[in-house]
N, C-alpha and C. Protein backbone atom coordinates (compact mmCIF):
# COMPACT_ATOMS: atom_id res chain seq x y z
N MET A 1 20.08 22.98 0.40
CA MET A 1 21.38 22.48 -0.04
C MET A 1 21.58 21.08 0.50
N LEU A 2 22.00 20.21 -0.39
CA LEU A 2 22.33 18.84 -0.01
C LEU A 2 23.85 18.72 0.08
N PRO A 3 24.35 18.04 1.09
CA PRO A 3 25.81 17.92 1.22
C PRO A 3 26.39 16.98 0.17
N GLY A 4 27.29 17.50 -0.67
CA GLY A 4 28.03 16.68 -1.61
C GLY A 4 27.33 16.33 -2.91
N ILE A 5 26.07 16.69 -3.08
CA ILE A 5 25.36 16.36 -4.32
C ILE A 5 24.27 17.39 -4.55
N ASP A 6 24.02 17.70 -5.81
CA ASP A 6 22.93 18.64 -6.08
C ASP A 6 21.63 17.86 -6.26
N GLY A 7 20.52 18.54 -6.10
CA GLY A 7 19.21 17.90 -6.13
C GLY A 7 18.90 17.20 -7.44
N LEU A 8 19.32 17.78 -8.57
CA LEU A 8 19.03 17.16 -9.86
C LEU A 8 19.82 15.86 -10.05
N SER A 9 21.05 15.81 -9.56
CA SER A 9 21.82 14.56 -9.63
C SER A 9 21.18 13.49 -8.75
N LEU A 10 20.71 13.89 -7.59
CA LEU A 10 20.01 12.95 -6.72
C LEU A 10 18.73 12.46 -7.40
N LEU A 11 18.02 13.36 -8.06
CA LEU A 11 16.81 12.99 -8.79
C LEU A 11 17.13 11.98 -9.88
N ASP A 12 18.20 12.21 -10.64
CA ASP A 12 18.61 11.27 -11.69
C ASP A 12 18.88 9.88 -11.11
N ALA A 13 19.62 9.83 -10.01
CA ALA A 13 19.93 8.54 -9.38
C ALA A 13 18.67 7.86 -8.87
N LEU A 14 17.77 8.63 -8.29
CA LEU A 14 16.53 8.07 -7.77
C LEU A 14 15.68 7.51 -8.90
N ARG A 15 15.57 8.21 -10.00
CA ARG A 15 14.76 7.77 -11.14
C ARG A 15 15.33 6.50 -11.78
N ARG A 16 16.66 6.31 -11.72
CA ARG A 16 17.26 5.09 -12.27
C ARG A 16 16.91 3.87 -11.42
N GLN A 17 16.65 4.07 -10.13
CA GLN A 17 16.45 2.95 -9.22
C GLN A 17 14.99 2.60 -8.99
N GLN A 18 14.11 3.59 -8.93
CA GLN A 18 12.72 3.30 -8.61
C GLN A 18 11.80 4.42 -9.07
N ALA A 19 10.52 4.05 -9.17
CA ALA A 19 9.52 5.03 -9.59
C ALA A 19 8.73 5.47 -8.36
N VAL A 20 9.13 6.57 -7.78
CA VAL A 20 8.43 7.14 -6.63
C VAL A 20 8.11 8.60 -6.95
N PRO A 21 7.06 9.12 -6.36
CA PRO A 21 6.76 10.53 -6.61
C PRO A 21 7.84 11.42 -5.99
N VAL A 22 8.23 12.46 -6.74
CA VAL A 22 9.29 13.36 -6.28
C VAL A 22 8.81 14.80 -6.43
N MET A 23 8.92 15.54 -5.33
CA MET A 23 8.66 16.97 -5.35
C MET A 23 9.97 17.67 -5.02
N LEU A 24 10.44 18.50 -5.93
CA LEU A 24 11.64 19.29 -5.67
C LEU A 24 11.26 20.57 -4.95
N MET A 25 11.98 20.88 -3.89
CA MET A 25 11.83 22.14 -3.17
C MET A 25 13.19 22.82 -3.22
N SER A 26 13.24 23.98 -3.84
CA SER A 26 14.53 24.60 -4.10
C SER A 26 14.46 26.11 -3.99
N ALA A 27 15.60 26.69 -3.64
CA ALA A 27 15.72 28.15 -3.64
C ALA A 27 15.84 28.66 -5.07
N LEU A 28 16.14 27.76 -6.01
CA LEU A 28 16.25 28.13 -7.42
C LEU A 28 14.86 28.04 -8.04
N GLY A 29 14.23 29.18 -8.21
CA GLY A 29 12.85 29.18 -8.68
C GLY A 29 12.64 29.78 -10.05
N ALA A 30 13.72 30.06 -10.77
CA ALA A 30 13.58 30.63 -12.11
C ALA A 30 12.92 29.62 -13.04
N GLU A 31 12.31 30.12 -14.10
CA GLU A 31 11.60 29.25 -15.03
C GLU A 31 12.49 28.13 -15.55
N GLN A 32 13.71 28.43 -15.95
CA GLN A 32 14.60 27.41 -16.50
C GLN A 32 14.95 26.35 -15.45
N ASP A 33 15.09 26.73 -14.18
CA ASP A 33 15.36 25.77 -13.11
C ASP A 33 14.18 24.81 -12.95
N ARG A 34 12.97 25.36 -12.98
CA ARG A 34 11.78 24.52 -12.84
C ARG A 34 11.64 23.57 -14.03
N ILE A 35 11.86 24.09 -15.23
CA ILE A 35 11.77 23.25 -16.44
C ILE A 35 12.80 22.13 -16.37
N SER A 36 14.00 22.45 -15.95
CA SER A 36 15.05 21.44 -15.81
C SER A 36 14.63 20.35 -14.82
N GLY A 37 14.03 20.75 -13.71
CA GLY A 37 13.56 19.77 -12.73
C GLY A 37 12.50 18.85 -13.31
N PHE A 38 11.55 19.43 -14.04
CA PHE A 38 10.49 18.62 -14.63
C PHE A 38 11.02 17.69 -15.72
N THR A 39 11.92 18.19 -16.56
CA THR A 39 12.43 17.35 -17.65
C THR A 39 13.30 16.21 -17.14
N ARG A 40 13.85 16.36 -15.95
CA ARG A 40 14.68 15.29 -15.39
C ARG A 40 13.88 14.35 -14.50
N GLY A 41 12.56 14.57 -14.40
CA GLY A 41 11.73 13.56 -13.75
C GLY A 41 10.98 13.99 -12.52
N ALA A 42 11.05 15.24 -12.11
CA ALA A 42 10.29 15.67 -10.93
C ALA A 42 8.80 15.68 -11.25
N ASP A 43 7.99 15.31 -10.27
CA ASP A 43 6.54 15.34 -10.43
C ASP A 43 5.97 16.70 -10.05
N ASP A 44 6.68 17.43 -9.22
CA ASP A 44 6.27 18.78 -8.84
C ASP A 44 7.52 19.55 -8.45
N TYR A 45 7.42 20.87 -8.48
CA TYR A 45 8.56 21.73 -8.17
C TYR A 45 8.02 22.90 -7.37
N LEU A 46 8.53 23.06 -6.17
CA LEU A 46 8.06 24.11 -5.28
C LEU A 46 9.23 25.03 -4.93
N PRO A 47 9.26 26.24 -5.50
CA PRO A 47 10.36 27.16 -5.18
C PRO A 47 10.18 27.77 -3.78
N LYS A 48 11.32 27.96 -3.10
CA LYS A 48 11.30 28.60 -1.79
C LYS A 48 11.26 30.10 -1.97
N PRO A 49 10.70 30.84 -1.06
CA PRO A 49 9.98 30.38 0.13
C PRO A 49 8.56 29.95 -0.24
N PHE A 50 7.98 29.08 0.58
CA PHE A 50 6.62 28.63 0.36
C PHE A 50 5.95 28.46 1.71
N SER A 51 4.63 28.47 1.69
CA SER A 51 3.89 28.31 2.94
C SER A 51 3.63 26.82 3.18
N LEU A 52 3.44 26.46 4.43
CA LEU A 52 3.12 25.08 4.76
C LEU A 52 1.77 24.67 4.17
N ALA A 53 0.86 25.62 4.05
CA ALA A 53 -0.45 25.31 3.45
C ALA A 53 -0.28 24.92 1.99
N GLU A 54 0.58 25.64 1.26
CA GLU A 54 0.81 25.28 -0.15
C GLU A 54 1.52 23.94 -0.25
N LEU A 55 2.49 23.69 0.60
CA LEU A 55 3.18 22.40 0.60
C LEU A 55 2.19 21.28 0.86
N ASP A 56 1.32 21.44 1.85
CA ASP A 56 0.31 20.44 2.18
C ASP A 56 -0.60 20.17 0.98
N ALA A 57 -1.06 21.23 0.33
CA ALA A 57 -1.95 21.08 -0.83
C ALA A 57 -1.24 20.37 -1.98
N ARG A 58 0.01 20.70 -2.22
CA ARG A 58 0.75 20.07 -3.31
C ARG A 58 1.04 18.60 -3.02
N VAL A 59 1.36 18.27 -1.77
CA VAL A 59 1.59 16.86 -1.41
C VAL A 59 0.30 16.07 -1.58
N ASP A 60 -0.83 16.61 -1.13
CA ASP A 60 -2.11 15.93 -1.32
C ASP A 60 -2.40 15.70 -2.79
N ALA A 61 -2.17 16.71 -3.62
CA ALA A 61 -2.42 16.58 -5.06
C ALA A 61 -1.49 15.53 -5.68
N LEU A 62 -0.24 15.53 -5.27
CA LEU A 62 0.72 14.56 -5.79
C LEU A 62 0.31 13.14 -5.41
N LEU A 63 -0.10 12.94 -4.17
CA LEU A 63 -0.53 11.61 -3.73
C LEU A 63 -1.79 11.16 -4.47
N ARG A 64 -2.70 12.09 -4.74
CA ARG A 64 -3.90 11.73 -5.52
C ARG A 64 -3.51 11.29 -6.92
N ARG A 65 -2.59 12.02 -7.55
CA ARG A 65 -2.16 11.65 -8.90
C ARG A 65 -1.48 10.30 -8.91
N VAL A 66 -0.63 10.05 -7.94
CA VAL A 66 0.08 8.78 -7.87
C VAL A 66 -0.90 7.63 -7.67
N ALA A 67 -1.83 7.79 -6.76
CA ALA A 67 -2.82 6.74 -6.51
C ALA A 67 -3.64 6.48 -7.76
N PHE A 68 -4.04 7.52 -8.47
CA PHE A 68 -4.84 7.36 -9.68
C PHE A 68 -4.01 6.72 -10.79
N ASP A 69 -2.75 7.13 -10.95
CA ASP A 69 -1.90 6.61 -12.01
C ASP A 69 -1.56 5.14 -11.83
N ARG A 70 -1.53 4.67 -10.61
CA ARG A 70 -1.17 3.27 -10.38
C ARG A 70 -2.33 2.32 -10.66
N GLY A 71 -3.44 2.85 -11.11
CA GLY A 71 -4.53 1.98 -11.54
C GLY A 71 -5.68 2.01 -10.57
N THR A 72 -6.85 1.80 -11.12
CA THR A 72 -8.05 1.83 -10.30
C THR A 72 -8.67 0.46 -10.13
N ALA A 73 -8.16 -0.55 -10.78
CA ALA A 73 -8.76 -1.88 -10.68
C ALA A 73 -7.88 -2.81 -9.87
N LEU A 74 -8.50 -3.56 -9.00
CA LEU A 74 -7.84 -4.63 -8.26
C LEU A 74 -8.43 -5.93 -8.80
N ARG A 75 -7.61 -6.79 -9.38
CA ARG A 75 -8.11 -8.00 -10.01
C ARG A 75 -8.30 -9.10 -8.98
N ALA A 76 -9.32 -9.90 -9.19
CA ALA A 76 -9.59 -11.05 -8.33
C ALA A 76 -10.19 -12.15 -9.20
N ASP A 77 -9.98 -13.41 -8.81
CA ASP A 77 -10.49 -14.54 -9.58
C ASP A 77 -12.01 -14.58 -9.60
N VAL A 78 -12.66 -14.19 -8.52
CA VAL A 78 -14.11 -14.30 -8.43
C VAL A 78 -14.82 -13.08 -8.99
N GLY A 79 -14.12 -12.13 -9.45
CA GLY A 79 -14.73 -10.93 -10.00
C GLY A 79 -13.75 -9.79 -9.95
N GLU A 80 -14.22 -8.64 -10.24
CA GLU A 80 -13.35 -7.48 -10.28
C GLU A 80 -13.75 -6.49 -9.19
N VAL A 81 -12.75 -6.01 -8.51
CA VAL A 81 -12.96 -4.97 -7.51
C VAL A 81 -12.50 -3.66 -8.15
N MET A 82 -13.41 -2.71 -8.23
CA MET A 82 -13.11 -1.45 -8.89
C MET A 82 -13.17 -0.30 -7.89
N LEU A 83 -12.22 0.61 -8.02
CA LEU A 83 -12.27 1.84 -7.25
C LEU A 83 -12.91 2.90 -8.14
N ASP A 84 -14.04 3.41 -7.74
CA ASP A 84 -14.76 4.43 -8.49
C ASP A 84 -14.37 5.79 -7.92
N HIS A 85 -13.47 6.48 -8.62
CA HIS A 85 -12.97 7.76 -8.11
C HIS A 85 -14.02 8.86 -8.15
N ASP A 86 -14.94 8.77 -9.10
CA ASP A 86 -15.99 9.79 -9.17
C ASP A 86 -16.93 9.70 -7.97
N ARG A 87 -17.34 8.50 -7.62
CA ARG A 87 -18.26 8.30 -6.48
C ARG A 87 -17.51 8.09 -5.17
N GLN A 88 -16.20 7.97 -5.24
CA GLN A 88 -15.37 7.66 -4.07
C GLN A 88 -15.91 6.43 -3.35
N ASP A 89 -15.96 5.33 -4.10
CA ASP A 89 -16.49 4.09 -3.55
C ASP A 89 -15.75 2.92 -4.17
N VAL A 90 -15.93 1.75 -3.59
CA VAL A 90 -15.37 0.52 -4.12
C VAL A 90 -16.54 -0.37 -4.52
N ILE A 91 -16.39 -1.03 -5.68
CA ILE A 91 -17.47 -1.85 -6.22
C ILE A 91 -16.92 -3.24 -6.50
N HIS A 92 -17.65 -4.26 -6.05
CA HIS A 92 -17.28 -5.65 -6.31
C HIS A 92 -18.51 -6.39 -6.79
N ASN A 93 -18.40 -7.03 -7.95
CA ASN A 93 -19.53 -7.76 -8.55
C ASN A 93 -20.79 -6.92 -8.60
N GLY A 94 -20.65 -5.65 -8.91
CA GLY A 94 -21.79 -4.75 -9.04
C GLY A 94 -22.30 -4.16 -7.75
N ASN A 95 -21.74 -4.55 -6.63
CA ASN A 95 -22.19 -4.05 -5.32
C ASN A 95 -21.24 -2.96 -4.82
N ALA A 96 -21.80 -1.80 -4.50
CA ALA A 96 -21.01 -0.69 -3.95
C ALA A 96 -20.96 -0.81 -2.43
N ALA A 97 -19.82 -0.46 -1.86
CA ALA A 97 -19.63 -0.60 -0.42
C ALA A 97 -20.20 0.57 0.37
N GLY A 98 -20.35 1.74 -0.26
CA GLY A 98 -20.84 2.91 0.47
C GLY A 98 -19.79 3.49 1.39
N LEU A 99 -18.59 3.70 0.86
CA LEU A 99 -17.48 4.21 1.67
C LEU A 99 -17.65 5.70 1.97
N THR A 100 -17.13 6.10 3.10
CA THR A 100 -16.99 7.53 3.40
C THR A 100 -15.77 8.05 2.64
N ALA A 101 -15.61 9.35 2.57
CA ALA A 101 -14.45 9.93 1.89
C ALA A 101 -13.15 9.48 2.54
N SER A 102 -13.12 9.41 3.86
CA SER A 102 -11.90 8.98 4.56
C SER A 102 -11.60 7.52 4.30
N GLU A 103 -12.62 6.68 4.28
CA GLU A 103 -12.41 5.26 3.99
C GLU A 103 -11.89 5.06 2.57
N PHE A 104 -12.43 5.84 1.63
CA PHE A 104 -11.97 5.74 0.25
C PHE A 104 -10.52 6.19 0.14
N ARG A 105 -10.16 7.32 0.77
CA ARG A 105 -8.77 7.78 0.75
C ARG A 105 -7.84 6.74 1.37
N LEU A 106 -8.30 6.08 2.43
CA LEU A 106 -7.49 5.04 3.07
C LEU A 106 -7.24 3.88 2.10
N LEU A 107 -8.29 3.41 1.44
CA LEU A 107 -8.14 2.30 0.50
C LEU A 107 -7.24 2.69 -0.68
N VAL A 108 -7.44 3.87 -1.23
CA VAL A 108 -6.62 4.34 -2.36
C VAL A 108 -5.16 4.47 -1.94
N THR A 109 -4.92 5.00 -0.76
CA THR A 109 -3.55 5.18 -0.28
C THR A 109 -2.87 3.84 -0.07
N LEU A 110 -3.56 2.89 0.56
CA LEU A 110 -2.98 1.56 0.76
C LEU A 110 -2.74 0.88 -0.59
N ARG A 111 -3.67 1.03 -1.52
CA ARG A 111 -3.55 0.42 -2.84
C ARG A 111 -2.38 1.02 -3.63
N ALA A 112 -2.08 2.28 -3.39
CA ALA A 112 -0.99 2.95 -4.11
C ALA A 112 0.39 2.49 -3.65
N HIS A 113 0.44 1.72 -2.55
CA HIS A 113 1.72 1.25 -2.01
C HIS A 113 1.66 -0.26 -1.82
N PRO A 114 1.59 -1.03 -2.92
CA PRO A 114 1.46 -2.49 -2.79
C PRO A 114 2.66 -3.10 -2.08
N GLY A 115 2.37 -4.01 -1.16
CA GLY A 115 3.42 -4.71 -0.45
C GLY A 115 4.17 -3.88 0.57
N GLU A 116 3.69 -2.70 0.86
CA GLU A 116 4.39 -1.79 1.78
C GLU A 116 3.51 -1.49 2.98
N ALA A 117 4.05 -1.69 4.17
CA ALA A 117 3.34 -1.32 5.39
C ALA A 117 3.47 0.19 5.57
N LEU A 118 2.34 0.87 5.65
CA LEU A 118 2.34 2.32 5.79
C LEU A 118 2.17 2.69 7.25
N SER A 119 3.00 3.58 7.73
CA SER A 119 2.99 3.96 9.14
C SER A 119 1.73 4.74 9.50
N LYS A 120 1.36 4.67 10.77
CA LYS A 120 0.21 5.43 11.23
C LYS A 120 0.41 6.93 11.05
N PRO A 121 1.58 7.49 11.37
CA PRO A 121 1.75 8.93 11.14
C PRO A 121 1.53 9.32 9.67
N PHE A 122 2.05 8.50 8.74
CA PHE A 122 1.85 8.78 7.32
C PHE A 122 0.37 8.70 6.95
N LEU A 123 -0.32 7.67 7.43
CA LEU A 123 -1.74 7.51 7.11
C LEU A 123 -2.58 8.62 7.73
N TYR A 124 -2.26 9.03 8.94
CA TYR A 124 -3.00 10.14 9.55
C TYR A 124 -2.87 11.40 8.70
N GLN A 125 -1.66 11.72 8.26
CA GLN A 125 -1.45 12.92 7.44
C GLN A 125 -2.13 12.79 6.08
N THR A 126 -1.97 11.64 5.43
CA THR A 126 -2.47 11.45 4.08
C THR A 126 -3.98 11.27 4.03
N VAL A 127 -4.52 10.49 4.95
CA VAL A 127 -5.93 10.12 4.90
C VAL A 127 -6.79 11.08 5.73
N LEU A 128 -6.36 11.36 6.95
CA LEU A 128 -7.18 12.16 7.86
C LEU A 128 -6.75 13.63 7.93
N HIS A 129 -5.65 13.96 7.30
CA HIS A 129 -5.15 15.34 7.24
C HIS A 129 -4.93 15.95 8.62
N ARG A 130 -4.38 15.14 9.51
CA ARG A 130 -4.03 15.65 10.83
C ARG A 130 -2.85 14.83 11.36
N ALA A 131 -2.23 15.35 12.39
CA ALA A 131 -1.07 14.69 12.98
C ALA A 131 -1.51 13.50 13.82
N TYR A 132 -0.65 12.50 13.88
CA TYR A 132 -0.90 11.30 14.66
C TYR A 132 -0.56 11.54 16.13
N THR A 133 -1.44 11.12 17.00
CA THR A 133 -1.15 11.07 18.44
C THR A 133 -1.51 9.68 18.93
N ARG A 134 -0.81 9.22 19.94
CA ARG A 134 -1.00 7.85 20.42
C ARG A 134 -2.43 7.56 20.88
N LEU A 135 -3.11 8.54 21.41
CA LEU A 135 -4.45 8.31 21.95
C LEU A 135 -5.55 8.42 20.90
N ASP A 136 -5.22 8.91 19.72
CA ASP A 136 -6.21 9.09 18.65
C ASP A 136 -6.47 7.74 17.99
N ARG A 137 -7.71 7.27 18.06
CA ARG A 137 -8.08 5.97 17.48
C ARG A 137 -8.85 6.14 16.17
N GLY A 138 -8.87 7.35 15.62
CA GLY A 138 -9.65 7.62 14.41
C GLY A 138 -9.28 6.72 13.24
N LEU A 139 -7.99 6.53 13.00
CA LEU A 139 -7.57 5.68 11.89
C LEU A 139 -8.01 4.24 12.11
N ASP A 140 -7.88 3.75 13.34
CA ASP A 140 -8.28 2.38 13.64
C ASP A 140 -9.77 2.17 13.39
N VAL A 141 -10.58 3.17 13.69
CA VAL A 141 -12.02 3.08 13.44
C VAL A 141 -12.28 3.00 11.94
N HIS A 142 -11.59 3.82 11.15
CA HIS A 142 -11.77 3.78 9.69
C HIS A 142 -11.32 2.43 9.12
N VAL A 143 -10.22 1.88 9.63
CA VAL A 143 -9.75 0.57 9.18
C VAL A 143 -10.80 -0.49 9.48
N CYS A 144 -11.34 -0.48 10.70
CA CYS A 144 -12.37 -1.44 11.09
C CYS A 144 -13.60 -1.33 10.18
N ASN A 145 -14.06 -0.11 9.94
CA ASN A 145 -15.23 0.10 9.09
C ASN A 145 -14.96 -0.34 7.65
N LEU A 146 -13.77 -0.05 7.14
CA LEU A 146 -13.43 -0.45 5.78
C LEU A 146 -13.36 -1.97 5.65
N ARG A 147 -12.78 -2.63 6.63
CA ARG A 147 -12.76 -4.10 6.61
C ARG A 147 -14.17 -4.67 6.55
N ARG A 148 -15.06 -4.13 7.38
CA ARG A 148 -16.44 -4.60 7.43
C ARG A 148 -17.14 -4.37 6.10
N LYS A 149 -16.94 -3.18 5.51
CA LYS A 149 -17.61 -2.86 4.25
C LYS A 149 -17.08 -3.71 3.10
N LEU A 150 -15.79 -4.03 3.10
CA LEU A 150 -15.25 -4.93 2.08
C LEU A 150 -15.86 -6.32 2.23
N ALA A 151 -16.02 -6.79 3.46
CA ALA A 151 -16.65 -8.09 3.69
C ALA A 151 -18.12 -8.07 3.27
N ASP A 152 -18.80 -6.95 3.49
CA ASP A 152 -20.22 -6.83 3.13
C ASP A 152 -20.45 -6.98 1.63
N ILE A 153 -19.48 -6.62 0.81
CA ILE A 153 -19.65 -6.76 -0.64
C ILE A 153 -18.86 -7.97 -1.16
N SER A 154 -18.55 -8.91 -0.27
CA SER A 154 -17.84 -10.15 -0.60
C SER A 154 -16.45 -9.90 -1.20
N ALA A 155 -15.80 -8.87 -0.74
CA ALA A 155 -14.43 -8.57 -1.17
C ALA A 155 -13.46 -8.74 -0.01
N GLN A 156 -13.76 -9.73 0.86
CA GLN A 156 -12.92 -9.93 2.04
C GLN A 156 -11.53 -10.46 1.69
N HIS A 157 -11.30 -10.85 0.42
CA HIS A 157 -9.95 -11.24 0.02
C HIS A 157 -9.00 -10.04 0.03
N LEU A 158 -9.56 -8.83 0.02
CA LEU A 158 -8.75 -7.63 0.21
C LEU A 158 -8.68 -7.37 1.70
N GLN A 159 -7.55 -7.67 2.29
CA GLN A 159 -7.41 -7.57 3.74
C GLN A 159 -6.47 -6.43 4.10
N ILE A 160 -6.93 -5.63 5.06
CA ILE A 160 -6.07 -4.61 5.63
C ILE A 160 -5.48 -5.22 6.89
N GLN A 161 -4.19 -5.50 6.83
CA GLN A 161 -3.52 -6.18 7.94
C GLN A 161 -2.66 -5.19 8.72
N ALA A 162 -2.69 -5.36 10.04
CA ALA A 162 -1.82 -4.57 10.91
C ALA A 162 -0.45 -5.25 10.96
N VAL A 163 0.59 -4.47 10.78
CA VAL A 163 1.96 -4.97 10.89
C VAL A 163 2.55 -4.34 12.14
N ARG A 164 2.76 -5.16 13.16
CA ARG A 164 3.19 -4.67 14.46
C ARG A 164 4.44 -3.78 14.35
N GLY A 165 4.32 -2.60 14.92
CA GLY A 165 5.43 -1.66 14.95
C GLY A 165 5.67 -0.92 13.64
N GLN A 166 4.85 -1.22 12.59
CA GLN A 166 5.06 -0.58 11.30
C GLN A 166 3.83 0.17 10.81
N GLY A 167 2.66 -0.44 10.87
CA GLY A 167 1.46 0.23 10.38
C GLY A 167 0.49 -0.74 9.75
N TYR A 168 -0.10 -0.34 8.62
CA TYR A 168 -1.09 -1.16 7.92
C TYR A 168 -0.63 -1.44 6.50
N ILE A 169 -1.06 -2.61 5.99
CA ILE A 169 -0.75 -3.02 4.62
C ILE A 169 -2.00 -3.62 4.01
N LEU A 170 -2.21 -3.40 2.71
CA LEU A 170 -3.32 -4.01 1.98
C LEU A 170 -2.80 -5.26 1.30
N VAL A 171 -3.45 -6.41 1.56
CA VAL A 171 -3.04 -7.68 0.99
C VAL A 171 -4.23 -8.28 0.25
N ASP A 172 -4.00 -8.72 -0.98
CA ASP A 172 -5.01 -9.44 -1.75
C ASP A 172 -4.68 -10.92 -1.61
N THR A 173 -5.45 -11.65 -0.79
CA THR A 173 -5.14 -13.05 -0.51
C THR A 173 -5.33 -13.94 -1.72
N GLU A 174 -6.06 -13.49 -2.73
CA GLU A 174 -6.24 -14.29 -3.94
C GLU A 174 -5.09 -14.10 -4.91
N GLN A 175 -4.23 -13.15 -4.67
CA GLN A 175 -3.09 -12.91 -5.55
C GLN A 175 -1.82 -13.55 -5.02
N THR A 176 -1.84 -14.05 -3.79
CA THR A 176 -0.62 -14.62 -3.20
C THR A 176 -0.58 -16.11 -3.30
């Protein structure tokens, strides 16, 4: 229950302002309630009660769809940088970077949020599928490796920049 507004009205207002993925979680799980949620713009509908495992799987699927829907090509003046979802790799001027699955998820996630600094806790959950702890340097290692691999295929114009106190952002220096 939301105070003072129902979820569908909030969804309508959200859809008028911006295009973000929306998953409705509601105690109203009848077929007509779910259909109403989808027709008003929800990307997924999860009736209560639900398990955390199902929620996690649905969020992962939703993020994959959003990343794929926002496009797989990053344009550059010197050539084209392509995200190959089948091979889970990035290709620039015919050269593949040889990304790991985690590096590919990191690049796709950053690419799906242009101009937005993504927090470490969000990236840990989305990319590494685990909770963030201050002493865990796993994400930083993947960022370092991804930067190196982008440079190895002459795609260093795609920069993963650290934003102090906020997280990481993907910047295409040839587009600015």
